[in-house]
Amino acid sequence: TIASGSEDSTARLWNLNGYLVHKFDGHTAPVTCVDITESGRHILTGSKDKHVAIYSASTLREVGRWVCESACGCIASSSRNGGMIAAGDTTGITYVLKSVLSPCGEWRHF
């Protein structure tokens, strides 16, 4: 599975043959970065709309959303220590969230 972001404010999920599996319409500005968690259970997207969204790979529905102070420029995930995501915005702030599945979780700013 491959994920991509687009200038049309969508993220897309593709199979390895290049066929579109799903289009995510949750952002209101271009999607600048995407990541698939190591387990393959979640798709992360970051956008110029200042949001990071997390989607379930099995239901293809949004399961979490967080706000950055400016446009999100990069995103990454790790399964270590119970799961973490990190994002960077265009002002140079790095955000870290302890668990991919803690919708009430708060960003830590660095």
N, C-alpha and C. Protein backbone atom coordinates (compact mmCIF):
# COMPACT_ATOMS: atom_id res chain seq x y z
N THR A 1 0.83 -1.18 0.00
CA THR A 1 0.00 0.00 0.00
C THR A 1 0.88 1.25 0.00
N ILE A 2 0.47 2.24 -0.76
CA ILE A 2 1.20 3.50 -0.87
C ILE A 2 0.21 4.63 -0.59
N ALA A 3 0.65 5.64 0.16
CA ALA A 3 -0.17 6.81 0.44
C ALA A 3 0.48 8.03 -0.21
N SER A 4 -0.35 8.95 -0.68
CA SER A 4 0.16 10.18 -1.28
C SER A 4 -0.71 11.35 -0.88
N GLY A 5 -0.10 12.54 -0.86
CA GLY A 5 -0.83 13.77 -0.60
C GLY A 5 -0.95 14.55 -1.90
N SER A 6 -1.89 15.50 -1.92
CA SER A 6 -2.15 16.20 -3.17
C SER A 6 -2.47 17.68 -2.95
N GLU A 7 -2.22 18.47 -3.98
CA GLU A 7 -2.56 19.90 -3.97
C GLU A 7 -4.07 20.12 -3.92
N ASP A 8 -4.87 19.12 -4.27
CA ASP A 8 -6.33 19.28 -4.26
C ASP A 8 -6.94 19.02 -2.88
N SER A 9 -6.11 19.03 -1.83
CA SER A 9 -6.54 18.87 -0.43
C SER A 9 -6.95 17.45 -0.07
N THR A 10 -6.57 16.48 -0.86
CA THR A 10 -6.89 15.09 -0.56
C THR A 10 -5.60 14.29 -0.33
N ALA A 11 -5.78 13.16 0.32
CA ALA A 11 -4.74 12.14 0.40
C ALA A 11 -5.32 10.91 -0.27
N ARG A 12 -4.45 10.12 -0.85
CA ARG A 12 -4.93 8.94 -1.56
C ARG A 12 -4.15 7.70 -1.12
N LEU A 13 -4.85 6.59 -1.13
CA LEU A 13 -4.28 5.29 -0.80
C LEU A 13 -4.31 4.46 -2.08
N TRP A 14 -3.16 3.90 -2.44
CA TRP A 14 -3.00 3.15 -3.69
C TRP A 14 -2.55 1.72 -3.39
N ASN A 15 -2.94 0.77 -4.25
CA ASN A 15 -2.35 -0.56 -4.11
C ASN A 15 -1.06 -0.59 -4.90
N LEU A 16 -0.32 -1.68 -4.80
CA LEU A 16 1.00 -1.76 -5.43
C LEU A 16 0.94 -1.88 -6.95
N ASN A 17 -0.26 -2.06 -7.50
CA ASN A 17 -0.43 -2.08 -8.95
C ASN A 17 -0.77 -0.69 -9.49
N GLY A 18 -0.83 0.30 -8.60
CA GLY A 18 -1.11 1.67 -9.02
C GLY A 18 -2.57 2.04 -9.10
N TYR A 19 -3.43 1.19 -8.54
CA TYR A 19 -4.87 1.48 -8.56
C TYR A 19 -5.29 2.19 -7.28
N LEU A 20 -6.13 3.19 -7.44
CA LEU A 20 -6.64 3.95 -6.30
C LEU A 20 -7.53 3.06 -5.44
N VAL A 21 -7.23 3.01 -4.13
CA VAL A 21 -8.02 2.24 -3.17
C VAL A 21 -9.02 3.15 -2.47
N HIS A 22 -8.55 4.37 -2.09
CA HIS A 22 -9.44 5.29 -1.37
C HIS A 22 -8.89 6.71 -1.45
N LYS A 23 -9.81 7.68 -1.43
CA LYS A 23 -9.44 9.09 -1.40
C LYS A 23 -9.97 9.68 -0.09
N PHE A 24 -9.07 10.31 0.69
CA PHE A 24 -9.44 10.95 1.96
C PHE A 24 -9.68 12.43 1.70
N ASP A 25 -10.86 12.93 2.09
CA ASP A 25 -11.25 14.31 1.83
C ASP A 25 -11.29 15.18 3.08
N GLY A 26 -10.50 14.87 4.11
CA GLY A 26 -10.63 15.55 5.39
C GLY A 26 -9.93 16.88 5.54
N HIS A 27 -9.14 17.32 4.56
CA HIS A 27 -8.40 18.58 4.69
C HIS A 27 -9.01 19.67 3.82
N THR A 28 -8.69 20.92 4.15
CA THR A 28 -9.22 22.06 3.40
C THR A 28 -8.11 22.82 2.65
N ALA A 29 -6.91 22.29 2.67
CA ALA A 29 -5.76 22.86 1.96
C ALA A 29 -4.88 21.70 1.51
N PRO A 30 -3.90 21.96 0.65
CA PRO A 30 -3.06 20.87 0.14
C PRO A 30 -2.48 19.97 1.24
N VAL A 31 -2.46 18.67 0.97
CA VAL A 31 -1.88 17.68 1.87
C VAL A 31 -0.40 17.59 1.52
N THR A 32 0.45 17.98 2.47
CA THR A 32 1.88 18.10 2.21
C THR A 32 2.69 16.89 2.65
N CYS A 33 2.12 16.04 3.51
CA CYS A 33 2.88 14.90 3.99
C CYS A 33 1.95 13.78 4.44
N VAL A 34 2.42 12.55 4.27
CA VAL A 34 1.64 11.37 4.66
C VAL A 34 2.59 10.33 5.26
N ASP A 35 2.02 9.45 6.06
CA ASP A 35 2.80 8.34 6.62
C ASP A 35 1.83 7.20 6.89
N ILE A 36 2.31 5.99 6.74
CA ILE A 36 1.56 4.80 7.15
C ILE A 36 2.31 4.22 8.33
N THR A 37 1.60 3.95 9.43
CA THR A 37 2.27 3.42 10.62
C THR A 37 2.90 2.07 10.31
N GLU A 38 3.90 1.72 11.11
CA GLU A 38 4.63 0.46 10.91
C GLU A 38 3.70 -0.74 10.91
N SER A 39 2.66 -0.70 11.73
CA SER A 39 1.71 -1.81 11.81
C SER A 39 0.78 -1.85 10.60
N GLY A 40 0.71 -0.73 9.85
CA GLY A 40 -0.19 -0.65 8.72
C GLY A 40 -1.63 -0.35 9.13
N ARG A 41 -1.86 -0.09 10.42
CA ARG A 41 -3.22 0.11 10.91
C ARG A 41 -3.73 1.54 10.75
N HIS A 42 -2.81 2.50 10.55
CA HIS A 42 -3.23 3.90 10.47
C HIS A 42 -2.50 4.65 9.37
N ILE A 43 -3.19 5.62 8.79
CA ILE A 43 -2.62 6.53 7.80
C ILE A 43 -2.63 7.92 8.42
N LEU A 44 -1.49 8.61 8.41
CA LEU A 44 -1.38 9.95 8.96
C LEU A 44 -1.24 10.94 7.82
N THR A 45 -1.89 12.09 7.93
CA THR A 45 -1.77 13.13 6.92
C THR A 45 -1.52 14.47 7.59
N GLY A 46 -0.73 15.30 6.95
CA GLY A 46 -0.47 16.66 7.40
C GLY A 46 -0.76 17.61 6.25
N SER A 47 -1.25 18.81 6.60
CA SER A 47 -1.71 19.71 5.55
C SER A 47 -1.35 21.16 5.82
N LYS A 48 -1.45 21.96 4.77
CA LYS A 48 -1.29 23.40 4.90
C LYS A 48 -2.44 24.03 5.68
N ASP A 49 -3.50 23.26 5.95
CA ASP A 49 -4.61 23.78 6.77
C ASP A 49 -4.30 23.73 8.27
N LYS A 50 -3.05 23.37 8.61
CA LYS A 50 -2.53 23.32 9.98
C LYS A 50 -3.00 22.09 10.76
N HIS A 51 -3.58 21.11 10.09
CA HIS A 51 -4.09 19.93 10.78
C HIS A 51 -3.28 18.68 10.44
N VAL A 52 -3.20 17.81 11.44
CA VAL A 52 -2.71 16.45 11.28
C VAL A 52 -3.91 15.55 11.53
N ALA A 53 -4.20 14.67 10.58
CA ALA A 53 -5.34 13.75 10.73
C ALA A 53 -4.83 12.31 10.73
N ILE A 54 -5.53 11.47 11.46
CA ILE A 54 -5.20 10.04 11.52
C ILE A 54 -6.43 9.26 11.09
N TYR A 55 -6.22 8.34 10.15
CA TYR A 55 -7.30 7.51 9.62
C TYR A 55 -7.02 6.04 9.92
N SER A 56 -8.08 5.30 10.18
CA SER A 56 -7.98 3.85 10.34
C SER A 56 -7.82 3.23 8.96
N ALA A 57 -6.84 2.37 8.80
CA ALA A 57 -6.64 1.70 7.51
C ALA A 57 -7.72 0.65 7.25
N SER A 58 -8.34 0.14 8.31
CA SER A 58 -9.38 -0.88 8.11
C SER A 58 -10.74 -0.27 7.79
N THR A 59 -11.10 0.84 8.44
CA THR A 59 -12.42 1.46 8.19
C THR A 59 -12.33 2.64 7.24
N LEU A 60 -11.11 3.17 7.02
CA LEU A 60 -10.86 4.33 6.19
C LEU A 60 -11.55 5.59 6.73
N ARG A 61 -11.82 5.61 8.02
CA ARG A 61 -12.44 6.76 8.68
C ARG A 61 -11.44 7.48 9.56
N GLU A 62 -11.67 8.78 9.72
CA GLU A 62 -10.80 9.57 10.59
C GLU A 62 -11.01 9.16 12.04
N VAL A 63 -9.89 8.95 12.76
CA VAL A 63 -9.96 8.56 14.18
C VAL A 63 -9.29 9.58 15.09
N GLY A 64 -8.67 10.61 14.53
CA GLY A 64 -8.04 11.63 15.35
C GLY A 64 -7.62 12.82 14.51
N ARG A 65 -7.54 13.99 15.18
CA ARG A 65 -7.13 15.22 14.49
C ARG A 65 -6.50 16.17 15.49
N TRP A 66 -5.39 16.78 15.10
CA TRP A 66 -4.69 17.74 15.95
C TRP A 66 -4.34 18.96 15.13
N VAL A 67 -4.15 20.09 15.80
CA VAL A 67 -3.86 21.36 15.13
C VAL A 67 -2.43 21.81 15.44
N CYS A 68 -1.73 22.25 14.40
CA CYS A 68 -0.40 22.85 14.53
C CYS A 68 -0.58 24.37 14.50
N GLU A 69 0.47 25.10 14.84
CA GLU A 69 0.40 26.56 14.81
C GLU A 69 0.50 27.12 13.40
N SER A 70 1.08 26.37 12.48
CA SER A 70 1.15 26.78 11.07
C SER A 70 1.07 25.53 10.21
N ALA A 71 1.22 25.69 8.91
CA ALA A 71 1.10 24.57 7.98
C ALA A 71 2.03 23.42 8.37
N CYS A 72 1.50 22.22 8.30
CA CYS A 72 2.28 21.02 8.62
C CYS A 72 3.16 20.66 7.42
N GLY A 73 4.46 20.53 7.67
CA GLY A 73 5.39 20.25 6.58
C GLY A 73 5.93 18.84 6.55
N CYS A 74 5.86 18.13 7.70
CA CYS A 74 6.35 16.76 7.73
C CYS A 74 5.68 16.00 8.87
N ILE A 75 5.63 14.68 8.69
CA ILE A 75 5.00 13.83 9.69
C ILE A 75 5.68 12.46 9.68
N ALA A 76 5.76 11.84 10.86
CA ALA A 76 6.38 10.51 10.98
C ALA A 76 5.75 9.79 12.16
N SER A 77 5.83 8.48 12.14
CA SER A 77 5.28 7.68 13.24
C SER A 77 6.29 6.63 13.67
N SER A 78 6.12 6.17 14.90
CA SER A 78 6.96 5.10 15.44
C SER A 78 6.09 4.23 16.33
N SER A 79 6.36 2.94 16.33
CA SER A 79 5.61 2.03 17.21
C SER A 79 6.29 1.87 18.56
N ARG A 80 7.46 2.46 18.75
CA ARG A 80 8.18 2.36 20.02
C ARG A 80 7.45 3.08 21.14
N ASN A 81 7.66 2.60 22.35
CA ASN A 81 7.09 3.22 23.55
C ASN A 81 5.57 3.39 23.48
N GLY A 82 4.88 2.45 22.91
CA GLY A 82 3.42 2.51 22.85
C GLY A 82 2.88 3.28 21.67
N GLY A 83 3.73 3.78 20.82
CA GLY A 83 3.29 4.51 19.63
C GLY A 83 3.42 6.01 19.79
N MET A 84 4.02 6.64 18.81
CA MET A 84 4.19 8.09 18.81
C MET A 84 4.07 8.62 17.39
N ILE A 85 3.62 9.87 17.29
CA ILE A 85 3.71 10.56 16.01
C ILE A 85 4.43 11.89 16.25
N ALA A 86 5.12 12.33 15.24
CA ALA A 86 5.81 13.62 15.29
C ALA A 86 5.46 14.36 14.02
N ALA A 87 5.32 15.68 14.16
CA ALA A 87 5.03 16.53 13.00
C ALA A 87 5.85 17.80 13.14
N GLY A 88 6.16 18.40 12.03
CA GLY A 88 6.87 19.67 12.02
C GLY A 88 6.09 20.67 11.21
N ASP A 89 6.01 21.92 11.71
CA ASP A 89 5.29 22.94 10.95
C ASP A 89 6.27 23.91 10.29
N THR A 90 5.74 24.84 9.52
CA THR A 90 6.58 25.73 8.72
C THR A 90 7.25 26.82 9.55
N THR A 91 6.92 26.93 10.84
CA THR A 91 7.62 27.89 11.70
C THR A 91 8.78 27.23 12.42
N GLY A 92 8.97 25.92 12.22
CA GLY A 92 10.08 25.20 12.84
C GLY A 92 9.73 24.49 14.13
N ILE A 93 8.45 24.51 14.52
CA ILE A 93 8.03 23.82 15.74
C ILE A 93 7.88 22.33 15.44
N THR A 94 8.38 21.49 16.36
CA THR A 94 8.19 20.05 16.28
C THR A 94 7.15 19.66 17.32
N TYR A 95 6.19 18.85 16.91
CA TYR A 95 5.11 18.39 17.79
C TYR A 95 5.25 16.89 17.96
N VAL A 96 5.05 16.40 19.17
CA VAL A 96 5.11 14.97 19.44
C VAL A 96 3.87 14.57 20.22
N LEU A 97 3.22 13.51 19.79
CA LEU A 97 2.06 12.96 20.48
C LEU A 97 2.41 11.55 20.89
N LYS A 98 2.22 11.22 22.15
CA LYS A 98 2.64 9.94 22.71
C LYS A 98 1.98 8.75 22.03
N SER A 99 0.67 8.76 21.87
CA SER A 99 0.00 7.61 21.30
C SER A 99 -0.80 8.00 20.07
N VAL A 100 -0.69 7.21 19.03
CA VAL A 100 -1.44 7.46 17.81
C VAL A 100 -2.94 7.45 18.09
N LEU A 101 -3.37 6.67 19.06
CA LEU A 101 -4.80 6.54 19.33
C LEU A 101 -5.24 7.24 20.60
N SER A 102 -4.72 8.43 20.87
CA SER A 102 -5.23 9.17 22.02
C SER A 102 -5.81 10.48 21.53
N PRO A 103 -7.07 10.46 21.06
CA PRO A 103 -7.67 11.64 20.46
C PRO A 103 -7.74 12.84 21.41
N CYS A 104 -7.69 12.60 22.70
CA CYS A 104 -7.71 13.71 23.65
C CYS A 104 -6.30 14.12 24.02
N GLY A 105 -5.31 13.46 23.45
CA GLY A 105 -3.93 13.77 23.77
C GLY A 105 -3.54 15.17 23.34
N GLU A 106 -2.55 15.70 23.99
CA GLU A 106 -2.07 17.05 23.68
C GLU A 106 -0.69 16.95 23.05
N TRP A 107 -0.45 17.82 22.07
CA TRP A 107 0.86 17.92 21.47
C TRP A 107 1.86 18.40 22.51
N ARG A 108 3.07 17.92 22.46
CA ARG A 108 4.19 18.51 23.18
C ARG A 108 4.98 19.30 22.15
N HIS A 109 5.28 20.56 22.43
CA HIS A 109 5.98 21.44 21.49
C HIS A 109 7.46 21.50 21.84
N PHE A 110 8.29 21.50 20.82
CA PHE A 110 9.74 21.62 21.02
C PHE A 110 10.28 22.70 20.09
